[in-house]
Amino acid sequence: MRRVTSLLCCFVSAVVPVGAQTVPSTAPSSAAAVRQAVVAARLRLDAALAARDTAAIASLLADDALLIQPHDTLHGRPAIAAFVAGGLAAVPEVALSYAPERMDACVDGALHETGGTYVLLLRTYVRTDTLRGRYAARWVTAGDGSVRLATVVLARSLGEGGQAPRLATCAPAQRAALVRKRLQILLPTPFAAGTWRTVGTFEGTLRARGYGSGLVPAFLASHPTREDDLPFTLGARVAVVPRWSVEATVAIDPKRAEIRGFRPGDSSYVKADYAGRYGAVLISYERGWVRAGAGPALLRNRWAIEEAQGYDAGAGGWQYTPRGNSSYTELELGVVAQAAVMFPVSSHVFIDGRAGLRQFPSRTTPATGRLAPLTVRHSGLSISLGIGGAL
């Protein structure tokens, strides 16, 4: 019997939250309104307990509520609801008295109740147990405007010398509110690094054929291969179901490079202008601040390749005779995998760091004059940092 009543104690001391009967039509607009809603919910909880209405009690919980006990943690409404239903089934009469030491407003309609103590009276057919303990709780404003219990932390009973449990800072509440937003927009920042194999493999193949920047005449020495940084990307993410979302990213400016090479054996000169732009759609799964996703990606490459024959015109000057050129655009379908970490600055602003791996099939360029086709790999790895907003 002691085991059953202890289990019930753990749950009931946690459910200091919300009302199941009267739900406001809109979210509380101020910290004072949130506090008033929670105080009213505590009274409605008493009525639900007295009526032994487990369905009403369960309706007071957030979908992803946590009940953290000294030796166990329950995740989600179904697990907690089953827990309390089993406890009430064994106890004919329940009375609960509880009082927080502090009620602190947090961001986005959240409220912390800390330093609280409870007294739970459990009367069975043969005996009465009185249990005491400490608790802390957090409520958040749900999408339908109701105030729901999000997190409860329970300490050991007072008789065992337990100290008041602690809640984390407002950051988890900020994050919880943020990930529930339907739409998130990610804006790029200049902080990006990584590899873009298209440029590197094209230049590497040229070098393997004898084109080297260290052997170019003075005219070309002042025009080495130039490559822009990784392109900025714009992202948008839409929540679909809890923990799952659809995310789209697109490069808002192209990756650019100008590749040059000179082969002294036959004085041939190659110049290639490249511009690449990509986009992707990912299915992402989120756990806490971290998410991972994968999906199809599309890469658009634009090439302009020229080949010329050079000769020394005297007086240190070089002249070039065109030998061939090609200009074309290609679309490559591949896949991208991404891992990201989100840090909330406020309930509507976040910083997003991500690492992405792009995988595309290799392609060959068309022949240009005497320049045979080159095999180019388009895969790459990127790491970037962005700032976003949630709507």
Protein backbone atom coordinates (compact mmCIF):
# COMPACT_ATOMS: atom_id res chain seq x y z
CA MET A 1 0.00 0.00 0.00
CA ARG A 2 2.85 2.33 0.81
CA ARG A 3 4.23 1.81 -2.67
CA VAL A 4 0.93 2.76 -4.32
CA THR A 5 0.44 5.85 -2.23
CA SER A 6 4.02 6.96 -2.78
CA LEU A 7 3.56 6.70 -6.51
CA LEU A 8 0.36 8.69 -6.33
CA CYS A 9 2.11 11.25 -4.18
CA CYS A 10 4.79 11.76 -6.79
CA PHE A 11 2.23 12.46 -9.46
CA VAL A 12 -0.30 14.53 -7.58
CA SER A 13 2.34 16.79 -6.12
CA ALA A 14 3.40 17.39 -9.67
CA VAL A 15 0.00 18.28 -11.05
CA VAL A 16 -0.35 21.70 -9.57
CA PRO A 17 -1.29 23.08 -12.94
CA VAL A 18 -4.14 23.93 -15.07
CA GLY A 19 -7.81 23.85 -15.58
CA ALA A 20 -9.50 21.23 -17.62
CA GLN A 21 -12.92 22.81 -17.78
CA THR A 22 -12.60 26.51 -18.60
CA VAL A 23 -10.00 27.21 -21.28
CA PRO A 24 -9.47 30.84 -22.32
CA SER A 25 -9.97 31.54 -25.98
CA THR A 26 -6.66 33.37 -26.30
CA ALA A 27 -3.30 33.08 -24.60
CA PRO A 28 -2.73 35.21 -21.47
CA SER A 29 -1.31 38.52 -22.62
CA SER A 30 0.86 39.34 -19.59
CA ALA A 31 2.80 37.78 -16.75
CA ALA A 32 0.02 38.77 -14.36
CA ALA A 33 -2.55 37.03 -16.55
CA VAL A 34 -0.44 33.87 -16.64
CA ARG A 35 -0.12 33.92 -12.86
CA GLN A 36 -3.86 34.38 -12.46
CA ALA A 37 -4.54 31.50 -14.86
CA VAL A 38 -2.23 29.18 -12.89
CA VAL A 39 -3.77 30.12 -9.54
CA ALA A 40 -7.22 29.42 -10.93
CA ALA A 41 -6.00 26.14 -12.37
CA ARG A 42 -4.78 24.99 -8.97
CA LEU A 43 -8.30 25.35 -7.63
CA ARG A 44 -9.69 23.39 -10.56
CA LEU A 45 -7.15 20.67 -9.87
CA ASP A 46 -8.56 20.27 -6.35
CA ALA A 47 -11.99 19.66 -7.83
CA ALA A 48 -10.63 17.13 -10.32
CA LEU A 49 -8.85 15.23 -7.55
CA ALA A 50 -11.90 15.25 -5.30
CA ALA A 51 -13.98 13.88 -8.18
CA ARG A 52 -11.24 11.32 -8.97
CA ASP A 53 -11.54 12.34 -12.60
CA THR A 54 -8.36 10.98 -14.15
CA ALA A 55 -9.35 12.11 -17.64
CA ALA A 56 -9.70 15.70 -16.43
CA ILE A 57 -6.34 15.52 -14.68
CA ALA A 58 -4.68 14.15 -17.79
CA SER A 59 -6.13 16.97 -19.89
CA LEU A 60 -4.22 19.44 -17.73
CA LEU A 61 -0.85 18.16 -18.97
CA ALA A 62 1.16 19.34 -21.94
CA ASP A 63 1.67 16.73 -24.63
CA ASP A 64 5.40 16.55 -23.86
CA ALA A 65 5.16 17.02 -20.07
CA LEU A 66 7.98 15.69 -17.88
CA LEU A 67 7.66 14.29 -14.36
CA ILE A 68 11.15 14.05 -12.87
CA GLN A 69 11.30 12.00 -9.66
CA PRO A 70 14.35 11.10 -7.55
CA HIS A 71 14.68 7.67 -9.18
CA ASP A 72 12.52 7.86 -12.28
CA THR A 73 11.37 10.19 -15.06
CA LEU A 74 8.08 9.94 -16.91
CA HIS A 75 7.86 11.40 -20.41
CA GLY A 76 4.68 12.61 -22.06
CA ARG A 77 1.02 12.80 -21.20
CA PRO A 78 0.08 9.13 -21.82
CA ALA A 79 2.74 7.77 -19.43
CA ILE A 80 1.87 10.22 -16.67
CA ALA A 81 -1.87 9.72 -17.14
CA ALA A 82 -1.52 5.94 -16.80
CA PHE A 83 0.61 6.47 -13.70
CA VAL A 84 -1.93 8.62 -11.87
CA ALA A 85 -4.87 6.43 -12.91
CA GLY A 86 -3.20 3.42 -11.31
CA GLY A 87 -2.58 5.34 -8.09
CA LEU A 88 -6.12 6.68 -7.75
CA ALA A 89 -7.59 3.24 -8.32
CA ALA A 90 -6.09 2.04 -5.04
CA VAL A 91 -6.97 5.08 -2.88
CA PRO A 92 -10.62 5.85 -2.13
CA GLU A 93 -9.98 9.36 -0.76
CA VAL A 94 -7.32 11.93 -1.62
CA ALA A 95 -6.63 15.39 -0.21
CA LEU A 96 -3.76 17.61 -1.35
CA SER A 97 -2.35 20.83 0.13
CA TYR A 98 0.49 22.58 -1.67
CA ALA A 99 2.12 26.00 -1.68
CA PRO A 100 5.04 27.40 -3.67
CA GLU A 101 7.68 29.62 -2.17
CA ARG A 102 8.00 31.65 -5.37
CA MET A 103 6.10 32.04 -8.63
CA ASP A 104 8.36 33.63 -11.24
CA ALA A 105 7.22 34.71 -14.68
CA CYS A 106 9.31 33.43 -17.57
CA VAL A 107 9.20 34.17 -21.28
CA ASP A 108 6.45 33.35 -23.73
CA GLY A 109 3.68 32.75 -21.22
CA ALA A 110 5.69 30.42 -18.98
CA LEU A 111 5.70 30.45 -15.18
CA HIS A 112 8.03 28.79 -12.68
CA GLU A 113 6.78 27.61 -9.31
CA THR A 114 9.79 26.91 -7.09
CA GLY A 115 10.58 26.03 -3.48
CA GLY A 116 7.13 24.50 -3.03
CA THR A 117 6.03 22.00 -0.38
CA TYR A 118 3.08 19.66 -0.44
CA VAL A 119 1.12 17.55 2.00
CA LEU A 120 -0.79 14.60 0.60
CA LEU A 121 -3.45 12.82 2.62
CA LEU A 122 -4.27 9.32 1.33
CA ARG A 123 -7.10 7.56 3.11
CA THR A 124 -7.65 3.90 2.41
CA TYR A 125 -10.22 1.51 3.90
CA VAL A 126 -7.85 0.48 6.68
CA ARG A 127 -5.42 3.34 7.25
CA THR A 128 -4.49 6.94 6.47
CA ASP A 129 -1.09 7.99 5.14
CA THR A 130 0.23 11.55 5.21
CA LEU A 131 3.10 12.22 2.84
CA ARG A 132 5.17 15.41 2.59
CA GLY A 133 7.70 16.59 0.08
CA ARG A 134 9.09 19.41 -2.05
CA TYR A 135 8.41 20.20 -5.69
CA ALA A 136 9.09 22.68 -8.45
CA ALA A 137 6.99 23.09 -11.61
CA ARG A 138 6.83 24.98 -14.88
CA TRP A 139 3.72 25.84 -16.86
CA VAL A 140 3.58 27.15 -20.39
CA THR A 141 0.82 28.67 -22.46
CA ALA A 142 -0.32 26.13 -25.05
CA GLY A 143 -1.35 26.93 -28.59
CA ASP A 144 -5.06 26.80 -27.71
CA GLY A 145 -4.58 29.44 -25.00
CA SER A 146 -4.70 27.09 -22.00
CA VAL A 147 -1.98 26.92 -19.39
CA ARG A 148 -0.46 23.45 -19.30
CA LEU A 149 2.02 21.73 -17.04
CA ALA A 150 5.31 21.29 -18.90
CA THR A 151 7.82 20.13 -16.26
CA VAL A 152 7.71 18.93 -12.65
CA VAL A 153 10.73 18.14 -10.50
CA LEU A 154 10.23 16.26 -7.22
CA ALA A 155 12.71 16.03 -4.35
CA ARG A 156 12.92 13.40 -1.66
CA SER A 157 10.37 13.68 1.11
CA LEU A 158 10.92 16.21 3.88
CA GLY A 159 11.38 13.41 6.35
CA GLU A 160 14.40 12.17 4.41
CA GLY A 161 16.14 15.53 4.51
CA GLY A 162 15.57 16.42 0.90
CA GLN A 163 16.27 19.94 -0.37
CA ALA A 164 13.98 21.96 -2.55
CA PRO A 165 14.39 20.91 -6.21
CA ARG A 166 15.58 23.39 -8.79
CA LEU A 167 14.29 24.25 -12.21
CA ALA A 168 16.59 25.24 -15.03
CA THR A 169 16.68 28.80 -16.31
CA CYS A 170 14.13 30.19 -18.73
CA ALA A 171 16.08 28.84 -21.71
CA PRO A 172 14.20 25.51 -21.85
CA ALA A 173 10.89 27.34 -21.76
CA GLN A 174 12.13 29.67 -24.48
CA ARG A 175 13.17 26.71 -26.57
CA ALA A 176 9.91 24.87 -25.97
CA ALA A 177 7.94 27.91 -27.05
CA LEU A 178 10.22 28.42 -30.04
CA VAL A 179 10.00 24.92 -31.48
CA ARG A 180 6.20 25.07 -31.29
CA LYS A 181 6.17 27.96 -33.75
CA ARG A 182 4.82 26.96 -37.11
CA LEU A 183 7.39 28.79 -39.24
CA GLN A 184 11.05 29.61 -38.71
CA ILE A 185 13.13 31.72 -41.11
CA LEU A 186 16.92 31.45 -41.07
CA LEU A 187 18.94 34.40 -42.31
CA PRO A 188 22.56 33.85 -43.38
CA THR A 189 25.61 35.38 -41.73
CA PRO A 190 29.16 35.74 -43.10
CA PHE A 191 30.33 32.90 -40.86
CA ALA A 192 30.66 29.87 -43.14
CA ALA A 193 33.40 27.44 -44.02
CA GLY A 194 33.78 24.16 -45.84
CA THR A 195 34.65 22.53 -49.11
CA TRP A 196 33.12 22.83 -52.58
CA ARG A 197 34.61 19.96 -54.56
CA THR A 198 33.42 21.21 -57.93
CA VAL A 199 36.15 23.85 -58.06
CA GLY A 200 38.83 21.75 -56.39
CA THR A 201 38.44 18.69 -58.61
CA PHE A 202 38.28 20.75 -61.80
CA GLU A 203 41.54 22.50 -60.94
CA GLY A 204 43.08 19.23 -59.71
CA THR A 205 42.38 17.53 -63.04
CA LEU A 206 44.00 20.44 -64.89
CA ARG A 207 47.10 20.16 -62.74
CA ALA A 208 47.25 16.43 -63.38
CA ARG A 209 47.38 17.26 -67.11
CA GLY A 210 50.31 19.60 -66.65
CA TYR A 211 48.59 22.92 -66.08
CA GLY A 212 50.27 24.54 -63.09
CA SER A 213 50.06 27.98 -61.55
CA GLY A 214 53.74 27.87 -60.59
CA LEU A 215 54.79 27.65 -64.25
CA VAL A 216 52.67 30.42 -65.73
CA PRO A 217 54.21 33.48 -67.39
CA ALA A 218 54.15 36.82 -65.62
CA PHE A 219 50.86 37.80 -67.27
CA LEU A 220 49.05 34.86 -65.68
CA ALA A 221 50.93 34.95 -62.40
CA SER A 222 48.95 38.05 -61.45
CA HIS A 223 45.67 36.24 -62.23
CA PRO A 224 45.64 33.01 -60.14
CA THR A 225 42.56 30.91 -59.52
CA ARG A 226 40.03 32.93 -57.55
CA GLU A 227 37.24 31.39 -55.49
CA ASP A 228 34.47 33.06 -53.49
CA ASP A 229 33.46 31.87 -50.05
CA LEU A 230 30.52 29.54 -49.57
CA PRO A 231 27.27 31.10 -50.77
CA PHE A 232 24.79 32.47 -48.25
CA THR A 233 21.73 30.28 -47.81
CA LEU A 234 18.22 31.18 -46.74
CA GLY A 235 16.25 28.58 -44.80
CA ALA A 236 12.66 28.06 -43.71
CA ARG A 237 11.31 25.34 -41.43
CA VAL A 238 7.68 24.41 -40.82
CA ALA A 239 6.59 22.26 -37.87
CA VAL A 240 4.47 19.31 -39.03
CA VAL A 241 4.04 17.09 -35.98
CA PRO A 242 5.84 17.14 -32.61
CA ARG A 243 9.60 16.80 -33.14
CA TRP A 244 9.24 16.53 -36.93
CA SER A 245 9.47 19.37 -39.44
CA VAL A 246 10.03 20.09 -43.13
CA GLU A 247 12.97 22.34 -43.86
CA ALA A 248 13.98 24.04 -47.12
CA THR A 249 17.25 25.81 -47.88
CA VAL A 250 18.34 27.69 -50.99
CA ALA A 251 21.51 29.57 -51.90
CA ILE A 252 20.61 33.22 -52.35
CA ASP A 253 23.81 33.95 -54.26
CA PRO A 254 25.94 31.61 -56.40
CA LYS A 255 29.27 30.08 -55.58
CA ARG A 256 31.73 31.69 -58.00
CA ALA A 257 35.21 30.73 -59.13
CA GLU A 258 37.64 31.65 -61.90
CA ILE A 259 40.05 28.83 -62.61
CA ARG A 260 43.23 29.45 -64.70
CA GLY A 261 46.01 27.18 -65.82
CA PHE A 262 49.01 27.30 -68.16
CA ARG A 263 50.93 24.35 -69.61
CA PRO A 264 54.44 25.38 -70.71
CA GLY A 265 55.00 22.26 -72.84
CA ASP A 266 52.66 23.49 -75.58
CA SER A 267 51.96 27.00 -74.24
CA SER A 268 48.27 26.23 -73.87
CA TYR A 269 46.11 28.30 -71.58
CA VAL A 270 42.78 27.34 -69.97
CA LYS A 271 40.32 29.60 -68.23
CA ALA A 272 37.06 28.42 -66.66
CA ASP A 273 34.39 30.63 -65.07
CA TYR A 274 32.06 28.76 -62.72
CA ALA A 275 28.89 29.68 -60.86
CA GLY A 276 26.96 27.18 -58.73
CA ARG A 277 23.74 27.46 -56.80
CA TYR A 278 21.91 24.79 -54.82
CA GLY A 279 18.75 24.14 -52.82
CA ALA A 280 17.44 21.28 -50.70
CA VAL A 281 14.33 20.02 -48.90
CA LEU A 282 14.90 18.07 -45.69
CA ILE A 283 12.78 16.08 -43.29
CA SER A 284 14.16 16.94 -39.84
CA TYR A 285 13.79 15.36 -36.42
CA GLU A 286 14.40 17.50 -33.34
CA ARG A 287 15.42 16.48 -29.86
CA GLY A 288 16.03 19.34 -27.47
CA TRP A 289 18.23 21.92 -29.16
CA VAL A 290 19.62 19.47 -31.68
CA ARG A 291 18.04 18.31 -34.94
CA ALA A 292 19.09 16.14 -37.83
CA GLY A 293 17.61 15.80 -41.28
CA ALA A 294 18.12 14.54 -44.80
CA GLY A 295 16.47 14.94 -48.18
CA PRO A 296 16.89 15.62 -51.89
CA ALA A 297 19.04 18.48 -53.19
CA LEU A 298 19.37 20.19 -56.56
CA LEU A 299 22.62 21.74 -57.81
CA ARG A 300 22.74 24.14 -60.78
CA ASN A 301 26.18 24.63 -62.32
CA ARG A 302 27.01 27.16 -65.02
CA TRP A 303 30.33 26.87 -66.91
CA ALA A 304 32.20 29.00 -69.42
CA ILE A 305 35.46 27.32 -70.47
CA GLU A 306 38.02 28.79 -72.87
CA GLU A 307 41.22 27.34 -74.31
CA ALA A 308 43.92 29.36 -76.08
CA GLN A 309 47.42 28.85 -77.54
CA GLY A 310 50.01 31.28 -76.21
CA TYR A 311 53.26 32.51 -77.66
CA ASP A 312 55.88 35.00 -76.60
CA ALA A 313 55.38 38.21 -78.56
CA GLY A 314 58.65 39.63 -77.35
CA ALA A 315 59.47 42.39 -74.89
CA GLY A 316 57.99 40.23 -72.14
CA GLY A 317 54.55 40.17 -73.73
CA TRP A 318 52.35 37.17 -74.49
CA GLN A 319 49.69 36.78 -77.13
CA TYR A 320 46.94 34.14 -77.19
CA THR A 321 45.11 32.56 -80.08
CA PRO A 322 41.67 31.04 -79.25
CA ARG A 323 41.50 27.28 -79.74
CA GLY A 324 38.03 26.49 -78.43
CA ASN A 325 35.34 27.35 -75.91
CA SER A 326 32.19 25.90 -74.39
CA SER A 327 29.42 27.36 -72.29
CA TYR A 328 26.72 25.27 -70.71
CA THR A 329 24.46 24.78 -67.68
CA GLU A 330 23.85 21.50 -65.86
CA LEU A 331 21.39 20.40 -63.18
CA GLU A 332 22.43 17.69 -60.76
CA LEU A 333 20.08 15.84 -58.40
CA GLY A 334 21.63 14.56 -55.17
CA VAL A 335 21.05 14.25 -51.45
CA VAL A 336 22.01 16.31 -48.45
CA ALA A 337 22.30 15.38 -44.77
CA GLN A 338 22.39 18.02 -42.09
CA ALA A 339 22.91 18.34 -38.34
CA ALA A 340 22.06 21.58 -36.56
CA VAL A 341 22.05 23.13 -33.10
CA MET A 342 19.61 25.90 -32.21
CA PHE A 343 20.14 28.34 -29.33
CA PRO A 344 17.17 30.58 -28.44
CA VAL A 345 17.99 34.23 -27.79
CA SER A 346 14.35 35.01 -27.02
CA SER A 347 10.99 33.42 -27.68
CA HIS A 348 11.12 34.63 -31.30
CA VAL A 349 14.84 34.88 -32.14
CA PHE A 350 17.39 32.09 -32.32
CA ILE A 351 20.94 31.38 -33.45
CA ASP A 352 21.35 28.33 -35.64
CA GLY A 353 24.61 26.51 -36.31
CA ARG A 354 24.61 23.73 -38.89
CA ALA A 355 26.85 21.28 -40.70
CA GLY A 356 25.73 19.84 -44.03
CA LEU A 357 27.06 17.11 -46.29
CA ARG A 358 26.08 17.31 -49.98
CA GLN A 359 26.44 14.30 -52.25
CA PHE A 360 26.00 14.59 -56.03
CA PRO A 361 27.06 12.34 -58.92
CA SER A 362 30.27 13.14 -60.79
CA ARG A 363 29.94 14.63 -64.28
CA THR A 364 32.28 15.30 -67.21
CA THR A 365 32.63 18.63 -68.95
CA PRO A 366 32.35 18.77 -72.76
CA ALA A 367 35.53 18.89 -74.83
CA THR A 368 36.83 22.37 -75.56
CA GLY A 369 39.17 22.53 -78.56
CA ARG A 370 42.12 20.32 -77.71
CA LEU A 371 41.09 20.13 -74.03
CA ALA A 372 39.60 16.69 -73.40
CA PRO A 373 36.57 16.37 -71.08
CA LEU A 374 37.29 16.66 -67.35
CA THR A 375 35.58 14.62 -64.63
CA VAL A 376 34.25 16.86 -61.88
CA ARG A 377 32.90 15.82 -58.48
CA HIS A 378 30.23 18.06 -56.98
CA SER A 379 29.96 16.84 -53.38
CA GLY A 380 30.95 19.00 -50.43
CA LEU A 381 30.83 19.73 -46.71
CA SER A 382 29.84 23.05 -45.17
CA ILE A 383 29.58 24.56 -41.69
CA SER A 384 27.62 27.76 -41.23
CA LEU A 385 26.05 30.02 -38.64
CA GLY A 386 22.80 31.93 -39.05
CA ILE A 387 20.28 33.97 -37.10
CA GLY A 388 16.59 33.23 -37.37
CA GLY A 389 13.14 34.31 -36.36
CA ALA A 390 10.06 32.24 -35.45
CA LEU A 391 6.51 33.19 -36.38
